PDB file of N, CA and C in Angstrom:
ATOM      1  N   UNK A   1       0.874  -1.031   0.008  1.00  0.00           N
ATOM      2  CA  UNK A   1      -0.265   0.024  -0.027  1.00  0.00           C
ATOM      3  C   UNK A   1       0.758   1.231   0.161  1.00  0.00           C
ATOM      4  N   UNK A   2       0.483   2.102  -0.881  1.00  0.00           N
ATOM      5  CA  UNK A   2       1.242   3.435  -1.002  1.00  0.00           C
ATOM      6  C   UNK A   2       0.667   4.448   0.220  1.00  0.00           C
ATOM      7  N   UNK A   3       1.659   5.174   0.825  1.00  0.00           N
ATOM      8  CA  UNK A   3       1.319   6.120   1.623  1.00  0.00           C
ATOM      9  C   UNK A   3       1.560   7.600   1.153  1.00  0.00           C
ATOM     10  N   UNK A   4       0.559   8.573   1.194  1.00  0.00           N
ATOM     11  CA  UNK A   4       0.962   9.676   0.646  1.00  0.00           C
ATOM     12  C   UNK A   4       0.811  10.694   2.046  1.00  0.00           C
ATOM     13  N   UNK A   5       1.387  12.000   1.872  1.00  0.00           N
ATOM     14  CA  UNK A   5       1.295  12.881   2.838  1.00  0.00           C
ATOM     15  C   UNK A   5      -0.028  13.438   2.821  1.00  0.00           C
ATOM     16  N   UNK A   6      -0.638  13.844   3.932  1.00  0.00           N
ATOM     17  CA  UNK A   6      -2.052  14.322   4.180  1.00  0.00           C
ATOM     18  C   UNK A   6      -2.430  15.466   3.191  1.00  0.00           C
ATOM     19  N   UNK A   7      -1.428  16.286   2.843  1.00  0.00           N
ATOM     20  CA  UNK A   7      -1.769  17.475   1.907  1.00  0.00           C
ATOM     21  C   UNK A   7      -1.814  16.895   0.390  1.00  0.00           C
ATOM     22  N   UNK A   8      -1.052  15.895   0.192  1.00  0.00           N
ATOM     23  CA  UNK A   8      -1.051  15.438  -1.196  1.00  0.00           C
ATOM     24  C   UNK A   8      -2.418  14.657  -1.330  1.00  0.00           C
ATOM     25  N   UNK A   9      -3.042  13.908  -0.547  1.00  0.00           N
ATOM     26  CA  UNK A   9      -4.118  13.134  -0.630  1.00  0.00           C
ATOM     27  C   UNK A   9      -5.290  14.063  -0.895  1.00  0.00           C
ATOM     28  N   UNK A  10      -5.241  15.351  -0.382  1.00  0.00           N
ATOM     29  CA  UNK A  10      -6.570  16.081  -0.419  1.00  0.00           C
ATOM     30  C   UNK A  10      -6.611  16.732  -2.004  1.00  0.00           C
ATOM     31  N   UNK A  11      -5.314  16.600  -2.657  1.00  0.00           N
ATOM     32  CA  UNK A  11      -5.316  17.253  -3.858  1.00  0.00           C
ATOM     33  C   UNK A  11      -5.146  16.293  -4.879  1.00  0.00           C
ATOM     34  N   UNK A  12      -5.865  15.263  -5.160  1.00  0.00           N
ATOM     35  CA  UNK A  12      -5.957  14.241  -5.992  1.00  0.00           C
ATOM     36  C   UNK A  12      -6.761  14.328  -7.208  1.00  0.00           C
ATOM     37  N   UNK A  13      -6.676  13.752  -8.184  1.00  0.00           N
ATOM     38  CA  UNK A  13      -7.276  14.074  -9.463  1.00  0.00           C
ATOM     39  C   UNK A  13      -8.911  13.757  -9.574  1.00  0.00           C
ATOM     40  N   UNK A  14      -9.414  14.773 -10.151  1.00  0.00           N
ATOM     41  CA  UNK A  14     -10.900  14.598 -10.716  1.00  0.00           C
ATOM     42  C   UNK A  14     -10.860  14.617 -12.058  1.00  0.00           C
ATOM     43  N   UNK A  15     -11.382  13.652 -12.643  1.00  0.00           N
ATOM     44  CA  UNK A  15     -11.444  13.397 -14.293  1.00  0.00           C
ATOM     45  C   UNK A  15     -12.951  13.738 -14.824  1.00  0.00           C
ATOM     46  N   UNK A  16     -12.903  14.531 -15.683  1.00  0.00           N
ATOM     47  CA  UNK A  16     -14.362  14.932 -16.290  1.00  0.00           C
ATOM     48  C   UNK A  16     -14.163  14.280 -17.814  1.00  0.00           C
ATOM     49  N   UNK A  17     -15.141  13.545 -18.052  1.00  0.00           N
ATOM     50  CA  UNK A  17     -15.225  12.895 -19.321  1.00  0.00           C
ATOM     51  C   UNK A  17     -16.664  13.588 -19.979  1.00  0.00           C
ATOM     52  N   UNK A  18     -16.312  14.285 -21.073  1.00  0.00           N
ATOM     53  CA  UNK A  18     -17.431  14.799 -21.874  1.00  0.00           C
ATOM     54  C   UNK A  18     -17.601  14.071 -23.105  1.00  0.00           C
ATOM     55  N   UNK A  19     -18.865  13.638 -23.382  1.00  0.00           N
ATOM     56  CA  UNK A  19     -18.871  12.700 -24.616  1.00  0.00           C
ATOM     57  C   UNK A  19     -20.507  12.881 -24.842  1.00  0.00           C
ATOM     58  N   UNK A  20     -20.722  12.551 -26.234  1.00  0.00           N
ATOM     59  CA  UNK A  20     -22.058  12.581 -26.749  1.00  0.00           C
ATOM     60  C   UNK A  20     -22.837  11.537 -25.932  1.00  0.00           C
ATOM     61  N   UNK A  21     -24.325  11.637 -25.762  1.00  0.00           N
ATOM     62  CA  UNK A  21     -25.077  10.734 -25.135  1.00  0.00           C
ATOM     63  C   UNK A  21     -25.105   9.329 -25.961  1.00  0.00           C
ATOM     64  N   UNK A  22     -25.542   8.320 -25.188  1.00  0.00           N
ATOM     65  CA  UNK A  22     -25.664   7.203 -26.129  1.00  0.00           C
ATOM     66  C   UNK A  22     -25.039   5.875 -25.497  1.00  0.00           C
ATOM     67  N   UNK A  23     -24.104   6.139 -24.527  1.00  0.00           N
ATOM     68  CA  UNK A  23     -23.348   4.857 -23.996  1.00  0.00           C
ATOM     69  C   UNK A  23     -24.323   4.424 -22.828  1.00  0.00           C
ATOM     70  N   UNK A  24     -24.203   3.029 -22.722  1.00  0.00           N
ATOM     71  CA  UNK A  24     -24.897   2.459 -21.484  1.00  0.00           C
ATOM     72  C   UNK A  24     -24.450   2.822 -20.313  1.00  0.00           C
ATOM     73  N   UNK A  25     -25.056   2.567 -19.181  1.00  0.00           N
ATOM     74  CA  UNK A  25     -24.489   2.688 -17.654  1.00  0.00           C
ATOM     75  C   UNK A  25     -23.329   1.777 -17.613  1.00  0.00           C
ATOM     76  N   UNK A  26     -23.417   0.518 -18.037  1.00  0.00           N
ATOM     77  CA  UNK A  26     -22.313  -0.409 -18.057  1.00  0.00           C
ATOM     78  C   UNK A  26     -21.019   0.048 -18.692  1.00  0.00           C
ATOM     79  N   UNK A  27     -21.155   0.600 -19.972  1.00  0.00           N
ATOM     80  CA  UNK A  27     -19.976   1.173 -20.755  1.00  0.00           C
ATOM     81  C   UNK A  27     -19.421   2.328 -19.887  1.00  0.00           C
ATOM     82  N   UNK A  28     -20.242   3.172 -19.519  1.00  0.00           N
ATOM     83  CA  UNK A  28     -19.767   4.205 -18.631  1.00  0.00           C
ATOM     84  C   UNK A  28     -18.985   3.798 -17.391  1.00  0.00           C
ATOM     85  N   UNK A  29     -19.380   2.862 -16.571  1.00  0.00           N
ATOM     86  CA  UNK A  29     -18.842   2.280 -15.329  1.00  0.00           C
ATOM     87  C   UNK A  29     -17.702   1.710 -15.924  1.00  0.00           C
ATOM     88  N   UNK A  30     -17.447   1.025 -16.979  1.00  0.00           N
ATOM     89  CA  UNK A  30     -16.318   0.284 -17.404  1.00  0.00           C
ATOM     90  C   UNK A  30     -15.267   1.334 -17.761  1.00  0.00           C
ATOM     91  N   UNK A  31     -15.582   2.419 -18.415  1.00  0.00           N
ATOM     92  CA  UNK A  31     -14.600   3.343 -18.804  1.00  0.00           C
ATOM     93  C   UNK A  31     -14.333   4.125 -17.562  1.00  0.00           C
ATOM     94  N   UNK A  32     -15.122   4.347 -16.527  1.00  0.00           N
ATOM     95  CA  UNK A  32     -14.698   5.038 -15.368  1.00  0.00           C
ATOM     96  C   UNK A  32     -13.773   4.040 -14.610  1.00  0.00           C
ATOM     97  N   UNK A  33     -13.955   2.621 -14.452  1.00  0.00           N
ATOM     98  CA  UNK A  33     -13.144   1.849 -13.815  1.00  0.00           C
ATOM     99  C   UNK A  33     -11.639   1.696 -14.329  1.00  0.00           C
ATOM    100  N   UNK A  34     -11.572   1.853 -15.668  1.00  0.00           N
ATOM    101  CA  UNK A  34     -10.435   1.659 -16.422  1.00  0.00           C
ATOM    102  C   UNK A  34      -9.589   3.038 -16.208  1.00  0.00           C
ATOM    103  N   UNK A  35     -10.249   4.196 -16.185  1.00  0.00           N
ATOM    104  CA  UNK A  35      -9.561   5.440 -16.020  1.00  0.00           C
ATOM    105  C   UNK A  35      -9.130   5.492 -14.549  1.00  0.00           C
ATOM    106  N   UNK A  36      -9.922   4.895 -13.668  1.00  0.00           N
ATOM    107  CA  UNK A  36      -9.335   4.880 -12.145  1.00  0.00           C
ATOM    108  C   UNK A  36      -8.017   4.078 -11.997  1.00  0.00           C
ATOM    109  N   UNK A  37      -8.306   2.834 -12.602  1.00  0.00           N
ATOM    110  CA  UNK A  37      -6.873   2.028 -12.493  1.00  0.00           C
ATOM    111  C   UNK A  37      -5.634   2.610 -13.176  1.00  0.00           C
ATOM    112  N   UNK A  38      -5.883   3.339 -14.202  1.00  0.00           N
ATOM    113  CA  UNK A  38      -4.710   3.909 -15.092  1.00  0.00           C
ATOM    114  C   UNK A  38      -4.185   5.084 -14.147  1.00  0.00           C
ATOM    115  N   UNK A  39      -5.185   5.811 -13.564  1.00  0.00           N
ATOM    116  CA  UNK A  39      -4.614   6.955 -12.744  1.00  0.00           C
ATOM    117  C   UNK A  39      -3.960   6.434 -11.613  1.00  0.00           C
ATOM    118  N   UNK A  40      -4.378   5.463 -10.939  1.00  0.00           N
ATOM    119  CA  UNK A  40      -3.694   4.768  -9.666  1.00  0.00           C
ATOM    120  C   UNK A  40      -2.309   4.501 -10.175  1.00  0.00           C
ATOM    121  N   UNK A  41      -2.279   3.666 -11.272  1.00  0.00           N
ATOM    122  CA  UNK A  41      -0.942   3.246 -11.757  1.00  0.00           C
ATOM    123  C   UNK A  41       0.103   4.369 -12.151  1.00  0.00           C
ATOM    124  N   UNK A  42      -0.336   5.159 -12.954  1.00  0.00           N
ATOM    125  CA  UNK A  42       0.733   5.992 -13.668  1.00  0.00           C
ATOM    126  C   UNK A  42       0.897   7.136 -12.678  1.00  0.00           C
ATOM    127  N   UNK A  43      -0.263   7.809 -12.057  1.00  0.00           N
ATOM    128  CA  UNK A  43      -0.016   8.997 -11.221  1.00  0.00           C
ATOM    129  C   UNK A  43       0.306   8.540  -9.608  1.00  0.00           C
ATOM    130  N   UNK A  44       0.223   7.390  -9.428  1.00  0.00           N
ATOM    131  CA  UNK A  44       0.717   7.019  -8.043  1.00  0.00           C
ATOM    132  C   UNK A  44      -0.440   7.365  -7.076  1.00  0.00           C
ATOM    133  N   UNK A  45      -1.659   7.311  -7.264  1.00  0.00           N
ATOM    134  CA  UNK A  45      -2.717   7.619  -6.402  1.00  0.00           C
ATOM    135  C   UNK A  45      -3.410   6.587  -5.919  1.00  0.00           C
ATOM    136  N   UNK A  46      -4.037   6.798  -4.648  1.00  0.00           N
ATOM    137  CA  UNK A  46      -4.882   5.780  -4.078  1.00  0.00           C
ATOM    138  C   UNK A  46      -6.233   6.038  -4.754  1.00  0.00           C
ATOM    139  N   UNK A  47      -7.104   4.716  -4.605  1.00  0.00           N
ATOM    140  CA  UNK A  47      -8.391   4.929  -5.292  1.00  0.00           C
ATOM    141  C   UNK A  47      -9.378   5.727  -4.671  1.00  0.00           C
ATOM    142  N   UNK A  48      -9.044   5.869  -3.215  1.00  0.00           N
ATOM    143  CA  UNK A  48     -10.075   6.727  -2.705  1.00  0.00           C
ATOM    144  C   UNK A  48      -9.908   8.268  -2.850  1.00  0.00           C
ATOM    145  N   UNK A  49      -8.782   8.605  -3.489  1.00  0.00           N
ATOM    146  CA  UNK A  49      -8.409  10.110  -3.845  1.00  0.00           C
ATOM    147  C   UNK A  49      -8.927  10.422  -5.107  1.00  0.00           C
ATOM    148  N   UNK A  50      -9.497   9.343  -5.994  1.00  0.00           N
ATOM    149  CA  UNK A  50      -9.925   9.776  -7.352  1.00  0.00           C
ATOM    150  C   UNK A  50     -11.185   9.796  -7.559  1.00  0.00           C
ATOM    151  N   UNK A  51     -11.841  10.751  -8.413  1.00  0.00           N
ATOM    152  CA  UNK A  51     -13.175  10.850  -8.641  1.00  0.00           C
ATOM    153  C   UNK A  51     -13.271  11.094 -10.214  1.00  0.00           C
ATOM    154  N   UNK A  52     -14.251  10.543 -10.721  1.00  0.00           N
ATOM    155  CA  UNK A  52     -14.621  10.555 -12.119  1.00  0.00           C
ATOM    156  C   UNK A  52     -15.997  11.073 -12.471  1.00  0.00           C
ATOM    157  N   UNK A  53     -16.244  12.072 -13.214  1.00  0.00           N
ATOM    158  CA  UNK A  53     -17.595  12.494 -13.657  1.00  0.00           C
ATOM    159  C   UNK A  53     -17.815  12.303 -15.256  1.00  0.00           C
ATOM    160  N   UNK A  54     -19.102  11.972 -15.633  1.00  0.00           N
ATOM    161  CA  UNK A  54     -19.094  11.992 -16.956  1.00  0.00           C
ATOM    162  C   UNK A  54     -20.347  12.818 -17.282  1.00  0.00           C
ATOM    163  N   UNK A  55     -20.120  13.732 -18.311  1.00  0.00           N
ATOM    164  CA  UNK A  55     -21.073  14.780 -18.816  1.00  0.00           C
ATOM    165  C   UNK A  55     -21.543  14.402 -20.225  1.00  0.00           C
ATOM    166  N   UNK A  56     -22.680  14.249 -20.312  1.00  0.00           N
ATOM    167  CA  UNK A  56     -23.246  13.868 -21.748  1.00  0.00           C
ATOM    168  C   UNK A  56     -23.669  15.198 -22.420  1.00  0.00           C
ATOM    169  N   UNK A  57     -23.000  15.534 -23.363  1.00  0.00           N
ATOM    170  CA  UNK A  57     -23.316  16.622 -24.222  1.00  0.00           C
ATOM    171  C   UNK A  57     -23.991  16.389 -25.524  1.00  0.00           C
ATOM    172  N   UNK A  58     -25.198  16.901 -25.719  1.00  0.00           N
ATOM    173  CA  UNK A  58     -25.782  16.601 -27.120  1.00  0.00           C
ATOM    174  C   UNK A  58     -24.873  17.082 -28.226  1.00  0.00           C
ATOM    175  N   UNK A  59     -24.953  16.451 -29.310  1.00  0.00           N
ATOM    176  CA  UNK A  59     -24.089  16.637 -30.509  1.00  0.00           C
ATOM    177  C   UNK A  59     -24.358  17.996 -30.972  1.00  0.00           C
ATOM    178  N   UNK A  60     -25.467  18.534 -30.931  1.00  0.00           N
ATOM    179  CA  UNK A  60     -25.593  19.988 -31.451  1.00  0.00           C
ATOM    180  C   UNK A  60     -25.061  20.971 -30.695  1.00  0.00           C
ATOM    181  N   UNK A  61     -24.739  20.759 -29.401  1.00  0.00           N
ATOM    182  CA  UNK A  61     -23.978  21.690 -28.529  1.00  0.00           C
ATOM    183  C   UNK A  61     -22.596  21.308 -28.255  1.00  0.00           C
ATOM    184  N   UNK A  62     -22.074  20.533 -29.006  1.00  0.00           N
ATOM    185  CA  UNK A  62     -20.738  20.074 -28.602  1.00  0.00           C
ATOM    186  C   UNK A  62     -19.709  21.163 -29.045  1.00  0.00           C
ATOM    187  N   UNK A  63     -19.829  21.842 -30.217  1.00  0.00           N
ATOM    188  CA  UNK A  63     -18.947  22.889 -30.589  1.00  0.00           C
ATOM    189  C   UNK A  63     -18.726  23.897 -29.647  1.00  0.00           C
ATOM    190  N   UNK A  64     -19.777  24.518 -29.189  1.00  0.00           N
ATOM    191  CA  UNK A  64     -19.833  25.724 -28.284  1.00  0.00           C
ATOM    192  C   UNK A  64     -19.535  25.426 -26.905  1.00  0.00           C
ATOM    193  N   UNK A  65     -20.043  24.203 -26.477  1.00  0.00           N
ATOM    194  CA  UNK A  65     -19.970  23.835 -25.051  1.00  0.00           C
ATOM    195  C   UNK A  65     -18.832  23.089 -24.503  1.00  0.00           C
ATOM    196  N   UNK A  66     -18.017  22.479 -25.609  1.00  0.00           N
ATOM    197  CA  UNK A  66     -16.964  21.588 -25.241  1.00  0.00           C
ATOM    198  C   UNK A  66     -15.809  22.147 -26.064  1.00  0.00           C
ATOM    199  N   UNK A  67     -15.982  21.974 -27.592  1.00  0.00           N
ATOM    200  CA  UNK A  67     -14.864  22.247 -28.472  1.00  0.00           C
ATOM    201  C   UNK A  67     -14.121  23.515 -28.215  1.00  0.00           C
ATOM    202  N   UNK A  68     -14.879  24.643 -28.126  1.00  0.00           N
ATOM    203  CA  UNK A  68     -14.337  25.876 -28.084  1.00  0.00           C
ATOM    204  C   UNK A  68     -13.755  26.185 -26.629  1.00  0.00           C
ATOM    205  N   UNK A  69     -14.618  25.990 -25.551  1.00  0.00           N
ATOM    206  CA  UNK A  69     -13.864  26.403 -24.223  1.00  0.00           C
ATOM    207  C   UNK A  69     -12.835  25.632 -23.897  1.00  0.00           C
ATOM    208  N   UNK A  70     -13.019  24.134 -24.073  1.00  0.00           N
ATOM    209  CA  UNK A  70     -12.069  23.127 -23.516  1.00  0.00           C
ATOM    210  C   UNK A  70     -10.990  22.587 -24.406  1.00  0.00           C
ATOM    211  N   UNK A  71     -11.138  22.835 -25.673  1.00  0.00           N
ATOM    212  CA  UNK A  71     -10.090  22.429 -26.693  1.00  0.00           C
ATOM    213  C   UNK A  71      -9.457  23.708 -27.275  1.00  0.00           C
ATOM    214  N   UNK A  72     -10.190  24.516 -27.958  1.00  0.00           N
ATOM    215  CA  UNK A  72      -9.635  25.818 -28.624  1.00  0.00           C
ATOM    216  C   UNK A  72      -8.854  26.689 -27.641  1.00  0.00           C
ATOM    217  N   UNK A  73      -9.629  26.914 -26.540  1.00  0.00           N
ATOM    218  CA  UNK A  73      -9.256  28.029 -25.764  1.00  0.00           C
ATOM    219  C   UNK A  73      -8.258  27.487 -24.575  1.00  0.00           C
ATOM    220  N   UNK A  74      -8.069  26.158 -24.562  1.00  0.00           N
ATOM    221  CA  UNK A  74      -7.038  25.512 -23.616  1.00  0.00           C
ATOM    222  C   UNK A  74      -6.024  24.555 -24.280  1.00  0.00           C
ATOM    223  N   UNK A  75      -5.570  24.909 -25.438  1.00  0.00           N
ATOM    224  CA  UNK A  75      -4.711  24.260 -26.303  1.00  0.00           C
ATOM    225  C   UNK A  75      -3.516  23.897 -25.427  1.00  0.00           C
ATOM    226  N   UNK A  76      -2.986  24.552 -24.509  1.00  0.00           N
ATOM    227  CA  UNK A  76      -1.690  24.314 -23.765  1.00  0.00           C
ATOM    228  C   UNK A  76      -1.858  23.456 -22.763  1.00  0.00           C
ATOM    229  N   UNK A  77      -3.148  22.872 -22.383  1.00  0.00           N
ATOM    230  CA  UNK A  77      -3.301  21.921 -21.424  1.00  0.00           C
ATOM    231  C   UNK A  77      -3.655  20.863 -22.129  1.00  0.00           C
ATOM    232  N   UNK A  78      -3.768  20.549 -23.466  1.00  0.00           N
ATOM    233  CA  UNK A  78      -4.169  19.356 -24.022  1.00  0.00           C
ATOM    234  C   UNK A  78      -2.877  18.431 -24.292  1.00  0.00           C
ATOM    235  N   UNK A  79      -2.774  17.112 -24.099  1.00  0.00           N
ATOM    236  CA  UNK A  79      -1.773  16.295 -24.227  1.00  0.00           C
ATOM    237  C   UNK A  79      -2.273  15.352 -25.542  1.00  0.00           C
ATOM    238  N   UNK A  80      -3.430  15.600 -25.879  1.00  0.00           N
ATOM    239  CA  UNK A  80      -3.923  14.759 -27.137  1.00  0.00           C
ATOM    240  C   UNK A  80      -4.750  15.643 -27.714  1.00  0.00           C
ATOM    241  N   UNK A  81      -4.518  16.121 -28.989  1.00  0.00           N
ATOM    242  CA  UNK A  81      -5.349  16.983 -29.762  1.00  0.00           C
ATOM    243  C   UNK A  81      -6.317  16.079 -30.544  1.00  0.00           C
ATOM    244  N   UNK A  82      -7.616  16.621 -30.701  1.00  0.00           N
ATOM    245  CA  UNK A  82      -8.613  15.840 -31.613  1.00  0.00           C
ATOM    246  C   UNK A  82      -8.213  16.164 -33.087  1.00  0.00           C
ATOM    247  N   UNK A  83      -8.536  15.224 -33.756  1.00  0.00           N
ATOM    248  CA  UNK A  83      -8.165  15.194 -35.218  1.00  0.00           C
ATOM    249  C   UNK A  83      -9.241  15.776 -36.169  1.00  0.00           C
ATOM    250  N   UNK A  84     -10.037  16.600 -35.509  1.00  0.00           N
ATOM    251  CA  UNK A  84     -11.232  17.334 -36.314  1.00  0.00           C
ATOM    252  C   UNK A  84     -11.499  18.656 -35.750  1.00  0.00           C
ATOM    253  N   UNK A  85     -12.111  19.525 -36.349  1.00  0.00           N
ATOM    254  CA  UNK A  85     -12.368  20.898 -35.918  1.00  0.00           C
ATOM    255  C   UNK A  85     -13.793  21.135 -36.581  1.00  0.00           C
ATOM    256  N   UNK A  86     -14.822  21.389 -35.726  1.00  0.00           N
ATOM    257  CA  UNK A  86     -16.116  21.699 -36.025  1.00  0.00           C
ATOM    258  C   UNK A  86     -16.320  23.052 -36.744  1.00  0.00           C
ATOM    259  N   UNK A  87     -15.292  23.770 -36.459  1.00  0.00           N
ATOM    260  CA  UNK A  87     -15.317  25.149 -36.984  1.00  0.00           C
ATOM    261  C   UNK A  87     -14.454  25.404 -38.245  1.00  0.00           C
ATOM    262  N   UNK A  88     -13.937  24.231 -38.746  1.00  0.00           N
ATOM    263  CA  UNK A  88     -13.135  24.254 -39.945  1.00  0.00           C
ATOM    264  C   UNK A  88     -11.739  24.613 -39.652  1.00  0.00           C
ATOM    265  N   UNK A  89     -10.912  24.640 -40.635  1.00  0.00           N
ATOM    266  CA  UNK A  89      -9.538  24.978 -40.395  1.00  0.00           C
ATOM    267  C   UNK A  89      -8.594  23.915 -39.843  1.00  0.00           C
TER     268      UNK A  89
END
């Protein structure tokens, strides 16, 4: 078991997944479970310090509510860029 200082434990990852609606609860749980395992292994976190949220965004709202604020306006935070641009270019 890994032991973390108290201040580190309080500041662990919260992962937000934004995707189109349509996945089943089973698919969403499997995605969450895998992400938690990977965060534990790669970032060295305890399971109890990790939280994961899933936000379903309708296709017609994606460009304005996700792509523009989370991708275009935060390029410096992306480690994986998407291969599409709903605004062209």
